Amino acid sequence: RELILLKVRARAEERQQIIAVADVFRAKIVDVA
């Protein structure tokens, strides 16, 4: 296994799409700014 932390610019119109991709991979959102 490997662990990755990825910070992605998430404008309001992109936020849900990024969260959807994370959900498909069973990734966790660990910080919201």
PDB file of all heavy atoms in Angstrom:
ATOM      1  N   ARG A   1       0.840  -1.189   0.000  1.00  0.00           N
ATOM      2  CA  ARG A   1       0.000   0.000   0.000  1.00  0.00           C
ATOM      3  C   ARG A   1       0.878   1.243   0.000  1.00  0.00           C
ATOM      4  O   ARG A   1       2.038   1.220   0.406  1.00  0.00           O
ATOM      5  CB  ARG A   1      -0.912   0.048   1.236  1.00  0.00           C
ATOM      6  CG  ARG A   1      -1.970  -1.022   1.266  1.00  0.00           C
ATOM      7  CD  ARG A   1      -3.015  -0.796   0.181  1.00  0.00           C
ATOM      8  NE  ARG A   1      -4.056  -1.796   0.188  1.00  0.00           N
ATOM      9  CZ  ARG A   1      -4.066  -2.888  -0.570  1.00  0.00           C
ATOM     10  NH1 ARG A   1      -3.064  -3.153  -1.371  1.00  0.00           N
ATOM     11  NH2 ARG A   1      -5.081  -3.722  -0.516  1.00  0.00           N
ATOM     12  N   GLU A   2       0.251   2.327  -0.417  1.00  0.00           N
ATOM     13  CA  GLU A   2       0.893   3.635  -0.403  1.00  0.00           C
ATOM     14  C   GLU A   2      -0.159   4.643   0.041  1.00  0.00           C
ATOM     15  O   GLU A   2      -1.352   4.456  -0.194  1.00  0.00           O
ATOM     16  CB  GLU A   2       1.401   3.970  -1.807  1.00  0.00           C
ATOM     17  CG  GLU A   2       2.173   5.248  -1.891  1.00  0.00           C
ATOM     18  CD  GLU A   2       2.791   5.486  -3.270  1.00  0.00           C
ATOM     19  OE1 GLU A   2       2.539   4.725  -4.208  1.00  0.00           O
ATOM     20  OE2 GLU A   2       3.522   6.481  -3.384  1.00  0.00           O
ATOM     21  N   LEU A   3       0.269   5.698   0.671  1.00  0.00           N
ATOM     22  CA  LEU A   3      -0.616   6.774   1.110  1.00  0.00           C
ATOM     23  C   LEU A   3      -0.258   8.033   0.336  1.00  0.00           C
ATOM     24  O   LEU A   3       0.926   8.308   0.101  1.00  0.00           O
ATOM     25  CB  LEU A   3      -0.439   7.028   2.615  1.00  0.00           C
ATOM     26  CG  LEU A   3      -1.079   8.287   3.186  1.00  0.00           C
ATOM     27  CD1 LEU A   3      -2.591   8.142   3.249  1.00  0.00           C
ATOM     28  CD2 LEU A   3      -0.518   8.577   4.568  1.00  0.00           C
ATOM     29  N   ILE A   4      -1.288   8.775  -0.069  1.00  0.00           N
ATOM     30  CA  ILE A   4      -1.055  10.051  -0.742  1.00  0.00           C
ATOM     31  C   ILE A   4      -1.946  11.111  -0.105  1.00  0.00           C
ATOM     32  O   ILE A   4      -3.090  10.834   0.267  1.00  0.00           O
ATOM     33  CB  ILE A   4      -1.332   9.949  -2.258  1.00  0.00           C
ATOM     34  CG1 ILE A   4      -0.985  11.260  -2.972  1.00  0.00           C
ATOM     35  CG2 ILE A   4      -2.763   9.552  -2.532  1.00  0.00           C
ATOM     36  CD1 ILE A   4      -1.036  11.173  -4.485  1.00  0.00           C
ATOM     37  N   LEU A   5      -1.396  12.291   0.046  1.00  0.00           N
ATOM     38  CA  LEU A   5      -2.163  13.485   0.397  1.00  0.00           C
ATOM     39  C   LEU A   5      -2.079  14.407  -0.808  1.00  0.00           C
ATOM     40  O   LEU A   5      -0.985  14.696  -1.302  1.00  0.00           O
ATOM     41  CB  LEU A   5      -1.587  14.186   1.624  1.00  0.00           C
ATOM     42  CG  LEU A   5      -1.736  13.469   2.952  1.00  0.00           C
ATOM     43  CD1 LEU A   5      -0.986  14.218   4.056  1.00  0.00           C
ATOM     44  CD2 LEU A   5      -3.197  13.299   3.324  1.00  0.00           C
ATOM     45  N   LEU A   6      -3.239  14.829  -1.285  1.00  0.00           N
ATOM     46  CA  LEU A   6      -3.304  15.633  -2.502  1.00  0.00           C
ATOM     47  C   LEU A   6      -4.145  16.875  -2.224  1.00  0.00           C
ATOM     48  O   LEU A   6      -5.290  16.758  -1.795  1.00  0.00           O
ATOM     49  CB  LEU A   6      -3.967  14.787  -3.591  1.00  0.00           C
ATOM     50  CG  LEU A   6      -3.807  15.178  -5.027  1.00  0.00           C
ATOM     51  CD1 LEU A   6      -2.349  14.986  -5.458  1.00  0.00           C
ATOM     52  CD2 LEU A   6      -4.683  14.290  -5.888  1.00  0.00           C
ATOM     53  N   LYS A   7      -3.555  18.049  -2.416  1.00  0.00           N
ATOM     54  CA  LYS A   7      -4.294  19.303  -2.241  1.00  0.00           C
ATOM     55  C   LYS A   7      -4.673  19.797  -3.635  1.00  0.00           C
ATOM     56  O   LYS A   7      -3.821  19.988  -4.502  1.00  0.00           O
ATOM     57  CB  LYS A   7      -3.457  20.356  -1.532  1.00  0.00           C
ATOM     58  CG  LYS A   7      -4.260  21.623  -1.217  1.00  0.00           C
ATOM     59  CD  LYS A   7      -3.409  22.725  -0.624  1.00  0.00           C
ATOM     60  CE  LYS A   7      -2.782  22.293   0.679  1.00  0.00           C
ATOM     61  NZ  LYS A   7      -2.005  23.390   1.296  1.00  0.00           N
ATOM     62  N   VAL A   8      -5.975  19.995  -3.826  1.00  0.00           N
ATOM     63  CA  VAL A   8      -6.507  20.374  -5.129  1.00  0.00           C
ATOM     64  C   VAL A   8      -7.235  21.706  -4.998  1.00  0.00           C
ATOM     65  O   VAL A   8      -8.015  21.900  -4.059  1.00  0.00           O
ATOM     66  CB  VAL A   8      -7.507  19.304  -5.642  1.00  0.00           C
ATOM     67  CG1 VAL A   8      -8.025  19.652  -7.017  1.00  0.00           C
ATOM     68  CG2 VAL A   8      -6.868  17.929  -5.637  1.00  0.00           C
ATOM     69  N   ARG A   9      -6.964  22.609  -5.954  1.00  0.00           N
ATOM     70  CA  ARG A   9      -7.735  23.854  -5.969  1.00  0.00           C
ATOM     71  C   ARG A   9      -9.172  23.474  -6.280  1.00  0.00           C
ATOM     72  O   ARG A   9      -9.431  22.747  -7.235  1.00  0.00           O
ATOM     73  CB  ARG A   9      -7.210  24.827  -7.019  1.00  0.00           C
ATOM     74  CG  ARG A   9      -7.967  26.151  -6.998  1.00  0.00           C
ATOM     75  CD  ARG A   9      -7.349  27.253  -7.847  1.00  0.00           C
ATOM     76  NE  ARG A   9      -5.927  27.478  -7.620  1.00  0.00           N
ATOM     77  CZ  ARG A   9      -5.384  28.143  -6.591  1.00  0.00           C
ATOM     78  NH1 ARG A   9      -6.172  28.650  -5.659  1.00  0.00           N
ATOM     79  NH2 ARG A   9      -4.083  28.298  -6.485  1.00  0.00           N
ATOM     80  N   ALA A  10     -10.098  23.937  -5.455  1.00  0.00           N
ATOM     81  CA  ALA A  10     -11.499  23.546  -5.591  1.00  0.00           C
ATOM     82  C   ALA A  10     -12.386  24.782  -5.542  1.00  0.00           C
ATOM     83  O   ALA A  10     -12.837  25.191  -4.472  1.00  0.00           O
ATOM     84  CB  ALA A  10     -11.876  22.555  -4.504  1.00  0.00           C
ATOM     85  N   ARG A  11     -12.596  25.357  -6.706  1.00  0.00           N
ATOM     86  CA  ARG A  11     -13.537  26.477  -6.786  1.00  0.00           C
ATOM     87  C   ARG A  11     -14.936  25.934  -6.527  1.00  0.00           C
ATOM     88  O   ARG A  11     -15.186  24.740  -6.664  1.00  0.00           O
ATOM     89  CB  ARG A  11     -13.430  27.130  -8.149  1.00  0.00           C
ATOM     90  CG  ARG A  11     -12.067  27.782  -8.374  1.00  0.00           C
ATOM     91  CD  ARG A  11     -11.926  28.298  -9.802  1.00  0.00           C
ATOM     92  NE  ARG A  11     -10.576  28.766 -10.055  1.00  0.00           N
ATOM     93  CZ  ARG A  11      -9.569  27.973 -10.453  1.00  0.00           C
ATOM     94  NH1 ARG A  11      -9.761  26.690 -10.641  1.00  0.00           N
ATOM     95  NH2 ARG A  11      -8.376  28.469 -10.659  1.00  0.00           N
ATOM     96  N   ALA A  12     -15.860  26.797  -6.198  1.00  0.00           N
ATOM     97  CA  ALA A  12     -17.218  26.372  -5.840  1.00  0.00           C
ATOM     98  C   ALA A  12     -17.843  25.474  -6.900  1.00  0.00           C
ATOM     99  O   ALA A  12     -18.453  24.449  -6.585  1.00  0.00           O
ATOM    100  CB  ALA A  12     -18.099  27.598  -5.606  1.00  0.00           C
ATOM    101  N   GLU A  13     -17.644  25.802  -8.171  1.00  0.00           N
ATOM    102  CA  GLU A  13     -18.248  25.018  -9.252  1.00  0.00           C
ATOM    103  C   GLU A  13     -17.560  23.665  -9.476  1.00  0.00           C
ATOM    104  O   GLU A  13     -18.120  22.783 -10.131  1.00  0.00           O
ATOM    105  CB  GLU A  13     -18.283  25.829 -10.568  1.00  0.00           C
ATOM    106  CG  GLU A  13     -16.932  26.202 -11.152  1.00  0.00           C
ATOM    107  CD  GLU A  13     -16.335  27.498 -10.585  1.00  0.00           C
ATOM    108  OE1 GLU A  13     -16.896  28.082  -9.636  1.00  0.00           O
ATOM    109  OE2 GLU A  13     -15.288  27.912 -11.099  1.00  0.00           O
ATOM    110  N   GLU A  14     -16.348  23.454  -8.938  1.00  0.00           N
ATOM    111  CA  GLU A  14     -15.600  22.202  -9.118  1.00  0.00           C
ATOM    112  C   GLU A  14     -15.683  21.279  -7.902  1.00  0.00           C
ATOM    113  O   GLU A  14     -15.407  20.089  -8.002  1.00  0.00           O
ATOM    114  CB  GLU A  14     -14.116  22.501  -9.379  1.00  0.00           C
ATOM    115  CG  GLU A  14     -13.857  23.320 -10.601  1.00  0.00           C
ATOM    116  CD  GLU A  14     -12.418  23.792 -10.678  1.00  0.00           C
ATOM    117  OE1 GLU A  14     -11.813  24.098  -9.627  1.00  0.00           O
ATOM    118  OE2 GLU A  14     -11.906  23.843 -11.811  1.00  0.00           O
ATOM    119  N   ARG A  15     -16.014  21.824  -6.777  1.00  0.00           N
ATOM    120  CA  ARG A  15     -15.940  21.105  -5.498  1.00  0.00           C
ATOM    121  C   ARG A  15     -16.678  19.763  -5.524  1.00  0.00           C
ATOM    122  O   ARG A  15     -16.138  18.737  -5.143  1.00  0.00           O
ATOM    123  CB  ARG A  15     -16.474  21.997  -4.381  1.00  0.00           C
ATOM    124  CG  ARG A  15     -16.113  21.543  -2.996  1.00  0.00           C
ATOM    125  CD  ARG A  15     -16.450  22.617  -1.983  1.00  0.00           C
ATOM    126  NE  ARG A  15     -15.605  23.786  -2.109  1.00  0.00           N
ATOM    127  CZ  ARG A  15     -14.537  24.021  -1.343  1.00  0.00           C
ATOM    128  NH1 ARG A  15     -14.226  23.197  -0.388  1.00  0.00           N
ATOM    129  NH2 ARG A  15     -13.809  25.097  -1.521  1.00  0.00           N
ATOM    130  N   GLN A  16     -17.917  19.756  -5.984  1.00  0.00           N
ATOM    131  CA  GLN A  16     -18.707  18.508  -5.990  1.00  0.00           C
ATOM    132  C   GLN A  16     -18.109  17.454  -6.913  1.00  0.00           C
ATOM    133  O   GLN A  16     -18.141  16.263  -6.604  1.00  0.00           O
ATOM    134  CB  GLN A  16     -20.166  18.790  -6.378  1.00  0.00           C
ATOM    135  CG  GLN A  16     -21.012  19.262  -5.219  1.00  0.00           C
ATOM    136  CD  GLN A  16     -20.891  18.384  -3.983  1.00  0.00           C
ATOM    137  OE1 GLN A  16     -20.388  18.816  -2.952  1.00  0.00           O
ATOM    138  NE2 GLN A  16     -21.329  17.147  -4.070  1.00  0.00           N
ATOM    139  N   GLN A  17     -17.544  17.871  -8.047  1.00  0.00           N
ATOM    140  CA  GLN A  17     -16.927  16.924  -8.977  1.00  0.00           C
ATOM    141  C   GLN A  17     -15.702  16.263  -8.343  1.00  0.00           C
ATOM    142  O   GLN A  17     -15.500  15.062  -8.474  1.00  0.00           O
ATOM    143  CB  GLN A  17     -16.538  17.633 -10.275  1.00  0.00           C
ATOM    144  CG  GLN A  17     -17.724  18.188 -11.032  1.00  0.00           C
ATOM    145  CD  GLN A  17     -17.308  19.243 -12.059  1.00  0.00           C
ATOM    146  OE1 GLN A  17     -16.245  19.846 -11.939  1.00  0.00           O
ATOM    147  NE2 GLN A  17     -18.164  19.466 -13.037  1.00  0.00           N
ATOM    148  N   ILE A  18     -14.912  17.050  -7.647  1.00  0.00           N
ATOM    149  CA  ILE A  18     -13.714  16.514  -6.981  1.00  0.00           C
ATOM    150  C   ILE A  18     -14.124  15.550  -5.870  1.00  0.00           C
ATOM    151  O   ILE A  18     -13.549  14.469  -5.726  1.00  0.00           O
ATOM    152  CB  ILE A  18     -12.827  17.665  -6.445  1.00  0.00           C
ATOM    153  CG1 ILE A  18     -12.276  18.487  -7.621  1.00  0.00           C
ATOM    154  CG2 ILE A  18     -11.697  17.113  -5.569  1.00  0.00           C
ATOM    155  CD1 ILE A  18     -11.650  19.808  -7.217  1.00  0.00           C
ATOM    156  N   ILE A  19     -15.138  15.921  -5.105  1.00  0.00           N
ATOM    157  CA  ILE A  19     -15.627  15.048  -4.029  1.00  0.00           C
ATOM    158  C   ILE A  19     -16.170  13.742  -4.616  1.00  0.00           C
ATOM    159  O   ILE A  19     -15.943  12.662  -4.054  1.00  0.00           O
ATOM    160  CB  ILE A  19     -16.684  15.779  -3.170  1.00  0.00           C
ATOM    161  CG1 ILE A  19     -16.007  16.894  -2.375  1.00  0.00           C
ATOM    162  CG2 ILE A  19     -17.419  14.816  -2.247  1.00  0.00           C
ATOM    163  CD1 ILE A  19     -16.965  17.848  -1.662  1.00  0.00           C
ATOM    164  N   ALA A  20     -16.827  13.814  -5.766  1.00  0.00           N
ATOM    165  CA  ALA A  20     -17.356  12.612  -6.415  1.00  0.00           C
ATOM    166  C   ALA A  20     -16.232  11.666  -6.827  1.00  0.00           C
ATOM    167  O   ALA A  20     -16.324  10.448  -6.634  1.00  0.00           O
ATOM    168  CB  ALA A  20     -18.212  12.995  -7.626  1.00  0.00           C
ATOM    169  N   VAL A  21     -15.160  12.228  -7.386  1.00  0.00           N
ATOM    170  CA  VAL A  21     -13.999  11.400  -7.760  1.00  0.00           C
ATOM    171  C   VAL A  21     -13.408  10.761  -6.504  1.00  0.00           C
ATOM    172  O   VAL A  21     -13.094   9.566  -6.482  1.00  0.00           O
ATOM    173  CB  VAL A  21     -12.932  12.230  -8.513  1.00  0.00           C
ATOM    174  CG1 VAL A  21     -11.646  11.425  -8.701  1.00  0.00           C
ATOM    175  CG2 VAL A  21     -13.467  12.691  -9.861  1.00  0.00           C
ATOM    176  N   ALA A  22     -13.266  11.534  -5.440  1.00  0.00           N
ATOM    177  CA  ALA A  22     -12.726  11.000  -4.180  1.00  0.00           C
ATOM    178  C   ALA A  22     -13.603   9.869  -3.659  1.00  0.00           C
ATOM    179  O   ALA A  22     -13.094   8.838  -3.198  1.00  0.00           O
ATOM    180  CB  ALA A  22     -12.609  12.121  -3.143  1.00  0.00           C
ATOM    181  N   ASP A  23     -14.916  10.028  -3.735  1.00  0.00           N
ATOM    182  CA  ASP A  23     -15.843   8.984  -3.267  1.00  0.00           C
ATOM    183  C   ASP A  23     -15.683   7.690  -4.043  1.00  0.00           C
ATOM    184  O   ASP A  23     -15.703   6.603  -3.457  1.00  0.00           O
ATOM    185  CB  ASP A  23     -17.290   9.469  -3.358  1.00  0.00           C
ATOM    186  CG  ASP A  23     -17.644  10.484  -2.283  1.00  0.00           C
ATOM    187  OD1 ASP A  23     -16.875  10.618  -1.303  1.00  0.00           O
ATOM    188  OD2 ASP A  23     -18.688  11.149  -2.432  1.00  0.00           O
ATOM    189  N   VAL A  24     -15.523   7.781  -5.349  1.00  0.00           N
ATOM    190  CA  VAL A  24     -15.348   6.582  -6.181  1.00  0.00           C
ATOM    191  C   VAL A  24     -14.124   5.788  -5.722  1.00  0.00           C
ATOM    192  O   VAL A  24     -14.138   4.559  -5.688  1.00  0.00           O
ATOM    193  CB  VAL A  24     -15.220   6.965  -7.679  1.00  0.00           C
ATOM    194  CG1 VAL A  24     -14.725   5.799  -8.511  1.00  0.00           C
ATOM    195  CG2 VAL A  24     -16.545   7.479  -8.201  1.00  0.00           C
ATOM    196  N   PHE A  25     -13.074   6.489  -5.331  1.00  0.00           N
ATOM    197  CA  PHE A  25     -11.832   5.837  -4.901  1.00  0.00           C
ATOM    198  C   PHE A  25     -11.803   5.550  -3.395  1.00  0.00           C
ATOM    199  O   PHE A  25     -10.807   5.087  -2.880  1.00  0.00           O
ATOM    200  CB  PHE A  25     -10.624   6.696  -5.289  1.00  0.00           C
ATOM    201  CG  PHE A  25     -10.272   6.592  -6.731  1.00  0.00           C
ATOM    202  CD1 PHE A  25     -10.914   7.368  -7.681  1.00  0.00           C
ATOM    203  CD2 PHE A  25      -9.299   5.704  -7.155  1.00  0.00           C
ATOM    204  CE1 PHE A  25     -10.591   7.270  -9.016  1.00  0.00           C
ATOM    205  CE2 PHE A  25      -8.969   5.595  -8.486  1.00  0.00           C
ATOM    206  CZ  PHE A  25      -9.619   6.379  -9.428  1.00  0.00           C
ATOM    207  N   ARG A  26     -12.886   5.849  -2.700  1.00  0.00           N
ATOM    208  CA  ARG A  26     -12.972   5.708  -1.245  1.00  0.00           C
ATOM    209  C   ARG A  26     -11.885   6.520  -0.535  1.00  0.00           C
ATOM    210  O   ARG A  26     -11.293   6.092   0.449  1.00  0.00           O
ATOM    211  CB  ARG A  26     -12.917   4.247  -0.819  1.00  0.00           C
ATOM    212  CG  ARG A  26     -14.176   3.506  -1.188  1.00  0.00           C
ATOM    213  CD  ARG A  26     -14.211   2.132  -0.572  1.00  0.00           C
ATOM    214  NE  ARG A  26     -14.673   1.210  -1.596  1.00  0.00           N
ATOM    215  CZ  ARG A  26     -14.008   0.153  -2.013  1.00  0.00           C
ATOM    216  NH1 ARG A  26     -12.874  -0.170  -1.470  1.00  0.00           N
ATOM    217  NH2 ARG A  26     -14.484  -0.611  -2.947  1.00  0.00           N
ATOM    218  N   ALA A  27     -11.615   7.690  -1.082  1.00  0.00           N
ATOM    219  CA  ALA A  27     -10.651   8.607  -0.478  1.00  0.00           C
ATOM    220  C   ALA A  27     -11.374   9.450   0.566  1.00  0.00           C
ATOM    221  O   ALA A  27     -12.600   9.543   0.561  1.00  0.00           O
ATOM    222  CB  ALA A  27     -10.038   9.506  -1.550  1.00  0.00           C
ATOM    223  N   LYS A  28     -10.608  10.042   1.468  1.00  0.00           N
ATOM    224  CA  LYS A  28     -11.181  10.891   2.517  1.00  0.00           C
ATOM    225  C   LYS A  28     -10.803  12.345   2.259  1.00  0.00           C
ATOM    226  O   LYS A  28      -9.649  12.638   1.930  1.00  0.00           O
ATOM    227  CB  LYS A  28     -10.608  10.511   3.884  1.00  0.00           C
ATOM    228  CG  LYS A  28     -10.941   9.136   4.353  1.00  0.00           C
ATOM    229  CD  LYS A  28     -10.270   8.899   5.698  1.00  0.00           C
ATOM    230  CE  LYS A  28     -10.284   7.433   6.048  1.00  0.00           C
ATOM    231  NZ  LYS A  28      -9.439   7.161   7.216  1.00  0.00           N
ATOM    232  N   ILE A  29     -11.752  13.212   2.443  1.00  0.00           N
ATOM    233  CA  ILE A  29     -11.456  14.646   2.431  1.00  0.00           C
ATOM    234  C   ILE A  29     -10.992  14.969   3.847  1.00  0.00           C
ATOM    235  O   ILE A  29     -11.743  14.819   4.801  1.00  0.00           O
ATOM    236  CB  ILE A  29     -12.707  15.480   2.070  1.00  0.00           C
ATOM    237  CG1 ILE A  29     -13.354  15.001   0.768  1.00  0.00           C
ATOM    238  CG2 ILE A  29     -12.365  16.967   2.041  1.00  0.00           C
ATOM    239  CD1 ILE A  29     -12.518  15.154  -0.468  1.00  0.00           C
ATOM    240  N   VAL A  30      -9.738  15.380   4.001  1.00  0.00           N
ATOM    241  CA  VAL A  30      -9.187  15.605   5.339  1.00  0.00           C
ATOM    242  C   VAL A  30      -9.037  17.085   5.684  1.00  0.00           C
ATOM    243  O   VAL A  30      -8.773  17.418   6.843  1.00  0.00           O
ATOM    244  CB  VAL A  30      -7.839  14.867   5.535  1.00  0.00           C
ATOM    245  CG1 VAL A  30      -8.051  13.360   5.505  1.00  0.00           C
ATOM    246  CG2 VAL A  30      -6.808  15.294   4.505  1.00  0.00           C
ATOM    247  N   ASP A  31      -9.211  17.962   4.684  1.00  0.00           N
ATOM    248  CA  ASP A  31      -9.174  19.388   4.961  1.00  0.00           C
ATOM    249  C   ASP A  31      -9.983  20.112   3.893  1.00  0.00           C
ATOM    250  O   ASP A  31      -9.855  19.820   2.706  1.00  0.00           O
ATOM    251  CB  ASP A  31      -7.734  19.923   4.964  1.00  0.00           C
ATOM    252  CG  ASP A  31      -7.677  21.383   5.383  1.00  0.00           C
ATOM    253  OD1 ASP A  31      -8.118  21.702   6.500  1.00  0.00           O
ATOM    254  OD2 ASP A  31      -7.206  22.213   4.573  1.00  0.00           O
ATOM    255  N   VAL A  32     -10.809  21.018   4.354  1.00  0.00           N
ATOM    256  CA  VAL A  32     -11.610  21.835   3.453  1.00  0.00           C
ATOM    257  C   VAL A  32     -11.271  23.288   3.738  1.00  0.00           C
ATOM    258  O   VAL A  32     -11.364  23.738   4.877  1.00  0.00           O
ATOM    259  CB  VAL A  32     -13.125  21.597   3.668  1.00  0.00           C
ATOM    260  CG1 VAL A  32     -13.948  22.505   2.763  1.00  0.00           C
ATOM    261  CG2 VAL A  32     -13.483  20.138   3.455  1.00  0.00           C
ATOM    262  N   ALA A  33     -10.866  23.992   2.693  1.00  0.00           N
ATOM    263  CA  ALA A  33     -10.577  25.418   2.817  1.00  0.00           C
ATOM    264  C   ALA A  33     -11.432  26.162   1.787  1.00  0.00           C
ATOM    265  O   ALA A  33     -12.109  25.541   0.968  1.00  0.00           O
ATOM    266  CB  ALA A  33      -9.088  25.683   2.582  1.00  0.00           C
TER     267      ALA A  33
END
